[in-house]
Amino acid sequence: MATYFKELSDFDFFAFVNDTDTEITANGVTWSIPPAKVTEFHDMLVAYKPYFNAITNKKNRTSKQVQDHQEQRIVIEDYIEGFANQFLISNPAISNSEIELMGFNRRKGTKTTRPQIEAEVFAKMEAQASSKMLFICRTNSDSSRASLAKDANGVEVRYTIGTQPGSVNACKEKEISTKARFTLQLDADDAGKKIYAYLRWRNNSNPDKSGPWCDMLVTVIRS
């Protein structure tokens, strides 16, 4: 069984990301991965690379560079986890041997069938400048970092702006993210209004097996 990629050393982790990007770029069409997602994965590698390069020389790197790298590694780890769950691990076009060579672990005897998600999202919603809204989601086993539930493809957000909804069913706006930490760009005209949001772990192949909605989150949109 392959070593879990979040447990790799920094150098092995960078090689893992680089190799995975090469495989996805070469086989994205065959594996039916949307071209925009292939590009998105590559862009994540490009964004992460300068932070990795900054820590490769232990004699010259600063504590700030080490901290920045660790924060960015967490960001790309969470992105890869969501990407792999959605497009790789349960993809019937990718053989078990290919999955293992890429460094992922496919649960024996399962392909696309996953159990009902029982866990609730532990979520935080933070208003950012320019009408952006940051969401940080985690499981109950991760107390200090964003993380996706094991059987989830990502996070689903239902929200409404201005008027408090009676329930999640009254929220007409919806977004789905493959990342546990993500940002929504809201309309600048809504600055100063309240946003009301519910989140749950999402099963894309069978939405009925998605997790329960969390309690309503509310904050004011910043200008």
C-alpha atoms as a PDB file:
ATOM      1  CA  MET A   1       0.000   0.000   0.000  1.00  0.00           C
ATOM      2  CA  ALA A   2       1.326   3.440  -0.947  1.00  0.00           C
ATOM      3  CA  THR A   3       2.388   5.854   1.781  1.00  0.00           C
ATOM      4  CA  TYR A   4      -0.357   8.394   2.399  1.00  0.00           C
ATOM      5  CA  PHE A   5       0.768  11.502   0.528  1.00  0.00           C
ATOM      6  CA  LYS A   6       0.190  13.828   3.507  1.00  0.00           C
ATOM      7  CA  GLU A   7       2.809  11.820   5.426  1.00  0.00           C
ATOM      8  CA  LEU A   8       5.554  12.216   2.795  1.00  0.00           C
ATOM      9  CA  SER A   9       8.628  14.353   3.427  1.00  0.00           C
ATOM     10  CA  ASP A  10       8.597  17.759   1.735  1.00  0.00           C
ATOM     11  CA  PHE A  11      10.903  16.595  -1.068  1.00  0.00           C
ATOM     12  CA  ASP A  12       8.969  13.369  -1.663  1.00  0.00           C
ATOM     13  CA  PHE A  13       5.702  15.296  -1.528  1.00  0.00           C
ATOM     14  CA  PHE A  14       6.847  17.722  -4.210  1.00  0.00           C
ATOM     15  CA  ALA A  15       7.926  14.806  -6.421  1.00  0.00           C
ATOM     16  CA  PHE A  16       4.524  13.189  -5.822  1.00  0.00           C
ATOM     17  CA  VAL A  17       2.650  16.343  -6.861  1.00  0.00           C
ATOM     18  CA  ASN A  18       4.856  16.814  -9.919  1.00  0.00           C
ATOM     19  CA  ASP A  19       4.452  13.179 -11.030  1.00  0.00           C
ATOM     20  CA  THR A  20       0.696  13.287 -10.452  1.00  0.00           C
ATOM     21  CA  ASP A  21       0.429  16.441 -12.548  1.00  0.00           C
ATOM     22  CA  THR A  22       2.346  14.743 -15.374  1.00  0.00           C
ATOM     23  CA  GLU A  23      -0.006  11.738 -15.290  1.00  0.00           C
ATOM     24  CA  ILE A  24      -3.153  13.869 -15.201  1.00  0.00           C
ATOM     25  CA  THR A  25      -1.932  16.071 -18.062  1.00  0.00           C
ATOM     26  CA  ALA A  26      -1.073  13.044 -20.198  1.00  0.00           C
ATOM     27  CA  ASN A  27      -4.195  11.007 -19.449  1.00  0.00           C
ATOM     28  CA  GLY A  28      -6.882  13.537 -18.582  1.00  0.00           C
ATOM     29  CA  VAL A  29      -8.853  12.940 -21.789  1.00  0.00           C
ATOM     30  CA  THR A  30      -8.672   9.142 -21.486  1.00  0.00           C
ATOM     31  CA  TRP A  31      -9.742   9.339 -17.840  1.00  0.00           C
ATOM     32  CA  SER A  32     -12.633  11.729 -18.698  1.00  0.00           C
ATOM     33  CA  ILE A  33     -11.335  14.477 -16.422  1.00  0.00           C
ATOM     34  CA  PRO A  34     -12.692  17.883 -17.508  1.00  0.00           C
ATOM     35  CA  PRO A  35      -9.938  19.937 -19.232  1.00  0.00           C
ATOM     36  CA  ALA A  36     -10.577  22.842 -16.861  1.00  0.00           C
ATOM     37  CA  LYS A  37      -9.829  20.554 -13.913  1.00  0.00           C
ATOM     38  CA  VAL A  38      -6.621  19.282 -15.558  1.00  0.00           C
ATOM     39  CA  THR A  39      -5.511  22.892 -15.945  1.00  0.00           C
ATOM     40  CA  GLU A  40      -6.581  23.708 -12.387  1.00  0.00           C
ATOM     41  CA  PHE A  41      -4.430  20.895 -10.987  1.00  0.00           C
ATOM     42  CA  HIS A  42      -1.416  22.123 -12.950  1.00  0.00           C
ATOM     43  CA  ASP A  43      -1.995  25.689 -11.783  1.00  0.00           C
ATOM     44  CA  MET A  44      -1.998  24.489  -8.171  1.00  0.00           C
ATOM     45  CA  LEU A  45       1.436  22.922  -8.730  1.00  0.00           C
ATOM     46  CA  VAL A  46       2.737  26.119 -10.348  1.00  0.00           C
ATOM     47  CA  ALA A  47       1.483  28.179  -7.391  1.00  0.00           C
ATOM     48  CA  TYR A  48       3.028  25.797  -4.842  1.00  0.00           C
ATOM     49  CA  LYS A  49       6.450  25.436  -6.505  1.00  0.00           C
ATOM     50  CA  PRO A  50       7.958  28.811  -5.406  1.00  0.00           C
ATOM     51  CA  TYR A  51       7.154  28.020  -1.759  1.00  0.00           C
ATOM     52  CA  PHE A  52       8.853  24.628  -2.059  1.00  0.00           C
ATOM     53  CA  ASN A  53      11.893  26.099  -3.830  1.00  0.00           C
ATOM     54  CA  ALA A  54      12.286  28.634  -1.028  1.00  0.00           C
ATOM     55  CA  ILE A  55      12.904  25.918   1.593  1.00  0.00           C
ATOM     56  CA  THR A  56      15.172  23.560  -0.348  1.00  0.00           C
ATOM     57  CA  ASN A  57      18.351  25.232   0.911  1.00  0.00           C
ATOM     58  CA  LYS A  58      18.312  24.656   4.662  1.00  0.00           C
ATOM     59  CA  LYS A  59      21.231  27.017   5.257  1.00  0.00           C
ATOM     60  CA  ASN A  60      19.593  30.027   3.635  1.00  0.00           C
ATOM     61  CA  ARG A  61      15.887  29.555   4.258  1.00  0.00           C
ATOM     62  CA  THR A  62      14.135  31.691   6.861  1.00  0.00           C
ATOM     63  CA  SER A  63      11.591  30.643   9.475  1.00  0.00           C
ATOM     64  CA  LYS A  64       9.019  32.755   7.600  1.00  0.00           C
ATOM     65  CA  GLN A  65       9.678  30.803   4.389  1.00  0.00           C
ATOM     66  CA  VAL A  66       9.303  27.511   6.272  1.00  0.00           C
ATOM     67  CA  GLN A  67       6.008  28.665   7.780  1.00  0.00           C
ATOM     68  CA  ASP A  68       4.705  29.951   4.431  1.00  0.00           C
ATOM     69  CA  HIS A  69       5.613  26.662   2.792  1.00  0.00           C
ATOM     70  CA  GLN A  70       3.839  24.634   5.444  1.00  0.00           C
ATOM     71  CA  GLU A  71       0.681  26.699   5.029  1.00  0.00           C
ATOM     72  CA  GLN A  72       0.767  26.317   1.243  1.00  0.00           C
ATOM     73  CA  ARG A  73       1.463  22.603   1.514  1.00  0.00           C
ATOM     74  CA  ILE A  74      -1.716  22.219   3.578  1.00  0.00           C
ATOM     75  CA  VAL A  75      -3.660  24.118   0.905  1.00  0.00           C
ATOM     76  CA  ILE A  76      -2.447  21.887  -1.934  1.00  0.00           C
ATOM     77  CA  GLU A  77      -2.801  18.708   0.186  1.00  0.00           C
ATOM     78  CA  ASP A  78      -6.467  19.453   0.758  1.00  0.00           C
ATOM     79  CA  TYR A  79      -6.953  20.284  -2.916  1.00  0.00           C
ATOM     80  CA  ILE A  80      -5.326  17.009  -4.019  1.00  0.00           C
ATOM     81  CA  GLU A  81      -7.421  15.015  -1.547  1.00  0.00           C
ATOM     82  CA  GLY A  82     -10.639  16.437  -2.998  1.00  0.00           C
ATOM     83  CA  PHE A  83      -9.414  16.081  -6.593  1.00  0.00           C
ATOM     84  CA  ALA A  84      -8.365  12.451  -6.081  1.00  0.00           C
ATOM     85  CA  ASN A  85     -11.659  11.516  -4.434  1.00  0.00           C
ATOM     86  CA  GLN A  86     -13.640  13.069  -7.275  1.00  0.00           C
ATOM     87  CA  PHE A  87     -11.608  12.226 -10.382  1.00  0.00           C
ATOM     88  CA  LEU A  88      -9.042   9.487  -9.641  1.00  0.00           C
ATOM     89  CA  ILE A  89      -9.648   6.961  -6.886  1.00  0.00           C
ATOM     90  CA  SER A  90     -13.189   5.988  -7.939  1.00  0.00           C
ATOM     91  CA  ASN A  91     -12.523   6.417 -11.667  1.00  0.00           C
ATOM     92  CA  PRO A  92     -13.215   3.071 -13.436  1.00  0.00           C
ATOM     93  CA  ALA A  93     -10.960   4.139 -16.348  1.00  0.00           C
ATOM     94  CA  ILE A  94      -7.909   4.000 -14.060  1.00  0.00           C
ATOM     95  CA  SER A  95      -6.669   0.552 -13.076  1.00  0.00           C
ATOM     96  CA  ASN A  96      -5.705  -0.417  -9.536  1.00  0.00           C
ATOM     97  CA  SER A  97      -2.059  -0.675 -10.561  1.00  0.00           C
ATOM     98  CA  GLU A  98      -2.112   2.828 -12.058  1.00  0.00           C
ATOM     99  CA  ILE A  99      -3.669   4.222  -8.892  1.00  0.00           C
ATOM    100  CA  GLU A 100      -0.971   2.576  -6.775  1.00  0.00           C
ATOM    101  CA  LEU A 101       1.824   3.790  -9.065  1.00  0.00           C
ATOM    102  CA  MET A 102       0.481   7.323  -8.694  1.00  0.00           C
ATOM    103  CA  GLY A 103       0.717   6.971  -4.909  1.00  0.00           C
ATOM    104  CA  PHE A 104      -2.967   6.687  -4.011  1.00  0.00           C
ATOM    105  CA  ASN A 105      -4.747   3.886  -2.178  1.00  0.00           C
ATOM    106  CA  ARG A 106      -7.955   2.441  -3.559  1.00  0.00           C
ATOM    107  CA  ARG A 107     -10.039   0.607  -0.983  1.00  0.00           C
ATOM    108  CA  LYS A 108     -10.096  -3.079  -1.918  1.00  0.00           C
ATOM    109  CA  GLY A 109     -13.322  -4.264  -3.474  1.00  0.00           C
ATOM    110  CA  THR A 110     -14.781  -0.774  -3.975  1.00  0.00           C
ATOM    111  CA  LYS A 111     -14.903   1.456  -7.004  1.00  0.00           C
ATOM    112  CA  THR A 112     -17.711   3.960  -7.003  1.00  0.00           C
ATOM    113  CA  THR A 113     -19.891   2.730  -4.134  1.00  0.00           C
ATOM    114  CA  ARG A 114     -19.450   4.672  -0.911  1.00  0.00           C
ATOM    115  CA  PRO A 115     -21.460   4.578   2.302  1.00  0.00           C
ATOM    116  CA  GLN A 116     -23.861   7.224   3.536  1.00  0.00           C
ATOM    117  CA  ILE A 117     -21.903  10.133   5.050  1.00  0.00           C
ATOM    118  CA  GLU A 118     -23.008  10.504   8.646  1.00  0.00           C
ATOM    119  CA  ALA A 119     -20.520  13.154   9.777  1.00  0.00           C
ATOM    120  CA  GLU A 120     -21.400  16.832   9.915  1.00  0.00           C
ATOM    121  CA  VAL A 121     -19.074  19.529   8.591  1.00  0.00           C
ATOM    122  CA  PHE A 122     -17.212  21.512  11.225  1.00  0.00           C
ATOM    123  CA  ALA A 123     -17.184  24.786   9.308  1.00  0.00           C
ATOM    124  CA  LYS A 124     -16.083  28.382   9.765  1.00  0.00           C
ATOM    125  CA  MET A 125     -17.122  31.271   7.517  1.00  0.00           C
ATOM    126  CA  GLU A 126     -14.943  34.400   7.482  1.00  0.00           C
ATOM    127  CA  ALA A 127     -15.693  37.630   5.620  1.00  0.00           C
ATOM    128  CA  GLN A 128     -12.749  38.911   3.562  1.00  0.00           C
ATOM    129  CA  ALA A 129     -12.153  42.219   1.802  1.00  0.00           C
ATOM    130  CA  SER A 130     -13.717  42.859  -1.633  1.00  0.00           C
ATOM    131  CA  SER A 131     -16.883  40.846  -0.885  1.00  0.00           C
ATOM    132  CA  LYS A 132     -15.029  37.530  -0.627  1.00  0.00           C
ATOM    133  CA  MET A 133     -16.115  34.820   1.788  1.00  0.00           C
ATOM    134  CA  LEU A 134     -13.625  32.274   3.134  1.00  0.00           C
ATOM    135  CA  PHE A 135     -14.865  28.844   4.221  1.00  0.00           C
ATOM    136  CA  ILE A 136     -12.694  26.527   6.321  1.00  0.00           C
ATOM    137  CA  CYS A 137     -14.073  23.004   6.786  1.00  0.00           C
ATOM    138  CA  ARG A 138     -12.752  20.075   8.777  1.00  0.00           C
ATOM    139  CA  THR A 139     -13.702  16.701  10.192  1.00  0.00           C
ATOM    140  CA  ASN A 140     -14.112  16.072  13.897  1.00  0.00           C
ATOM    141  CA  SER A 141     -10.735  14.280  13.925  1.00  0.00           C
ATOM    142  CA  ASP A 142      -8.825  17.308  12.596  1.00  0.00           C
ATOM    143  CA  SER A 143      -8.916  20.078  15.164  1.00  0.00           C
ATOM    144  CA  SER A 144      -6.404  22.485  13.647  1.00  0.00           C
ATOM    145  CA  ARG A 145      -6.489  22.170   9.867  1.00  0.00           C
ATOM    146  CA  ALA A 146      -8.929  22.023   6.983  1.00  0.00           C
ATOM    147  CA  SER A 147      -9.766  18.475   5.885  1.00  0.00           C
ATOM    148  CA  LEU A 148     -12.332  16.546   3.851  1.00  0.00           C
ATOM    149  CA  ALA A 149     -14.423  13.677   5.169  1.00  0.00           C
ATOM    150  CA  LYS A 150     -13.142  10.286   3.941  1.00  0.00           C
ATOM    151  CA  ASP A 151     -16.108   9.436   1.718  1.00  0.00           C
ATOM    152  CA  ALA A 152     -16.801  12.952   0.429  1.00  0.00           C
ATOM    153  CA  ASN A 153     -15.922  14.422  -2.970  1.00  0.00           C
ATOM    154  CA  GLY A 154     -15.995  17.887  -1.475  1.00  0.00           C
ATOM    155  CA  VAL A 155     -18.168  20.443   0.283  1.00  0.00           C
ATOM    156  CA  GLU A 156     -21.577  21.748  -0.771  1.00  0.00           C
ATOM    157  CA  VAL A 157     -22.672  25.229   0.301  1.00  0.00           C
ATOM    158  CA  ARG A 158     -26.239  26.515   0.181  1.00  0.00           C
ATOM    159  CA  TYR A 159     -26.667  30.187   1.007  1.00  0.00           C
ATOM    160  CA  THR A 160     -28.816  33.264   0.748  1.00  0.00           C
ATOM    161  CA  ILE A 161     -28.068  36.963   1.209  1.00  0.00           C
ATOM    162  CA  GLY A 162     -30.059  39.665   2.946  1.00  0.00           C
ATOM    163  CA  THR A 163     -32.989  37.756   4.435  1.00  0.00           C
ATOM    164  CA  GLN A 164     -32.597  35.001   7.013  1.00  0.00           C
ATOM    165  CA  PRO A 165     -33.913  31.704   5.592  1.00  0.00           C
ATOM    166  CA  GLY A 166     -36.234  29.458   7.536  1.00  0.00           C
ATOM    167  CA  SER A 167     -34.174  26.403   6.570  1.00  0.00           C
ATOM    168  CA  VAL A 168     -31.564  25.217   4.082  1.00  0.00           C
ATOM    169  CA  ASN A 169     -34.372  24.560   1.582  1.00  0.00           C
ATOM    170  CA  ALA A 170     -34.988  28.300   1.362  1.00  0.00           C
ATOM    171  CA  CYS A 171     -31.394  28.936   0.194  1.00  0.00           C
ATOM    172  CA  LYS A 172     -31.388  29.292  -3.595  1.00  0.00           C
ATOM    173  CA  GLU A 173     -27.639  29.790  -4.129  1.00  0.00           C
ATOM    174  CA  LYS A 174     -25.395  26.725  -4.302  1.00  0.00           C
ATOM    175  CA  GLU A 175     -21.667  26.087  -4.698  1.00  0.00           C
ATOM    176  CA  ILE A 176     -19.644  22.864  -4.609  1.00  0.00           C
ATOM    177  CA  SER A 177     -15.918  22.852  -3.840  1.00  0.00           C
ATOM    178  CA  THR A 178     -13.436  19.976  -3.974  1.00  0.00           C
ATOM    179  CA  LYS A 179     -11.345  21.817  -1.381  1.00  0.00           C
ATOM    180  CA  ALA A 180     -11.865  21.929   2.377  1.00  0.00           C
ATOM    181  CA  ARG A 181     -10.644  25.536   2.386  1.00  0.00           C
ATOM    182  CA  PHE A 182     -12.080  27.741  -0.354  1.00  0.00           C
ATOM    183  CA  THR A 183     -13.279  31.250  -1.139  1.00  0.00           C
ATOM    184  CA  LEU A 184     -16.466  32.495  -2.792  1.00  0.00           C
ATOM    185  CA  GLN A 185     -16.497  35.791  -4.660  1.00  0.00           C
ATOM    186  CA  LEU A 186     -19.794  37.518  -3.890  1.00  0.00           C
ATOM    187  CA  ASP A 187     -21.393  40.514  -5.605  1.00  0.00           C
ATOM    188  CA  ALA A 188     -19.841  43.821  -4.541  1.00  0.00           C
ATOM    189  CA  ASP A 189     -23.345  45.321  -4.324  1.00  0.00           C
ATOM    190  CA  ASP A 190     -24.073  42.939  -1.433  1.00  0.00           C
ATOM    191  CA  ALA A 191     -21.375  44.437   0.826  1.00  0.00           C
ATOM    192  CA  GLY A 192     -22.861  45.296   4.196  1.00  0.00           C
ATOM    193  CA  LYS A 193     -25.572  42.641   3.929  1.00  0.00           C
ATOM    194  CA  LYS A 194     -25.640  39.417   5.903  1.00  0.00           C
ATOM    195  CA  ILE A 195     -24.956  36.048   4.296  1.00  0.00           C
ATOM    196  CA  TYR A 196     -26.630  32.940   5.718  1.00  0.00           C
ATOM    197  CA  ALA A 197     -25.060  29.599   4.813  1.00  0.00           C
ATOM    198  CA  TYR A 198     -25.358  25.863   5.394  1.00  0.00           C
ATOM    199  CA  LEU A 199     -22.665  23.316   4.487  1.00  0.00           C
ATOM    200  CA  ARG A 200     -22.459  19.542   4.154  1.00  0.00           C
ATOM    201  CA  TRP A 201     -20.040  16.887   2.935  1.00  0.00           C
ATOM    202  CA  ARG A 202     -20.936  16.094  -0.679  1.00  0.00           C
ATOM    203  CA  ASN A 203     -21.097  12.767  -2.526  1.00  0.00           C
ATOM    204  CA  ASN A 204     -21.166  13.818  -6.194  1.00  0.00           C
ATOM    205  CA  SER A 205     -22.002  10.410  -7.658  1.00  0.00           C
ATOM    206  CA  ASN A 206     -24.895   9.883  -5.241  1.00  0.00           C
ATOM    207  CA  PRO A 207     -26.011  13.177  -3.623  1.00  0.00           C
ATOM    208  CA  ASP A 208     -28.542  11.289  -1.466  1.00  0.00           C
ATOM    209  CA  LYS A 209     -25.552   9.862   0.412  1.00  0.00           C
ATOM    210  CA  SER A 210     -24.193  13.318   1.212  1.00  0.00           C
ATOM    211  CA  GLY A 211     -23.819  14.278   4.855  1.00  0.00           C
ATOM    212  CA  PRO A 212     -26.236  16.240   7.047  1.00  0.00           C
ATOM    213  CA  TRP A 213     -26.325  20.034   6.864  1.00  0.00           C
ATOM    214  CA  CYS A 214     -24.477  21.919   9.563  1.00  0.00           C
ATOM    215  CA  ASP A 215     -26.116  24.613  11.662  1.00  0.00           C
ATOM    216  CA  MET A 216     -26.642  27.909   9.870  1.00  0.00           C
ATOM    217  CA  LEU A 217     -23.622  30.211   9.656  1.00  0.00           C
ATOM    218  CA  VAL A 218     -24.075  33.967   9.408  1.00  0.00           C
ATOM    219  CA  THR A 219     -21.783  36.954   8.966  1.00  0.00           C
ATOM    220  CA  VAL A 220     -21.689  40.367   7.266  1.00  0.00           C
ATOM    221  CA  ILE A 221     -20.188  40.715   3.780  1.00  0.00           C
ATOM    222  CA  ARG A 222     -17.274  43.167   3.694  1.00  0.00           C
ATOM    223  CA  SER A 223     -16.658  45.806   1.070  1.00  0.00           C
END
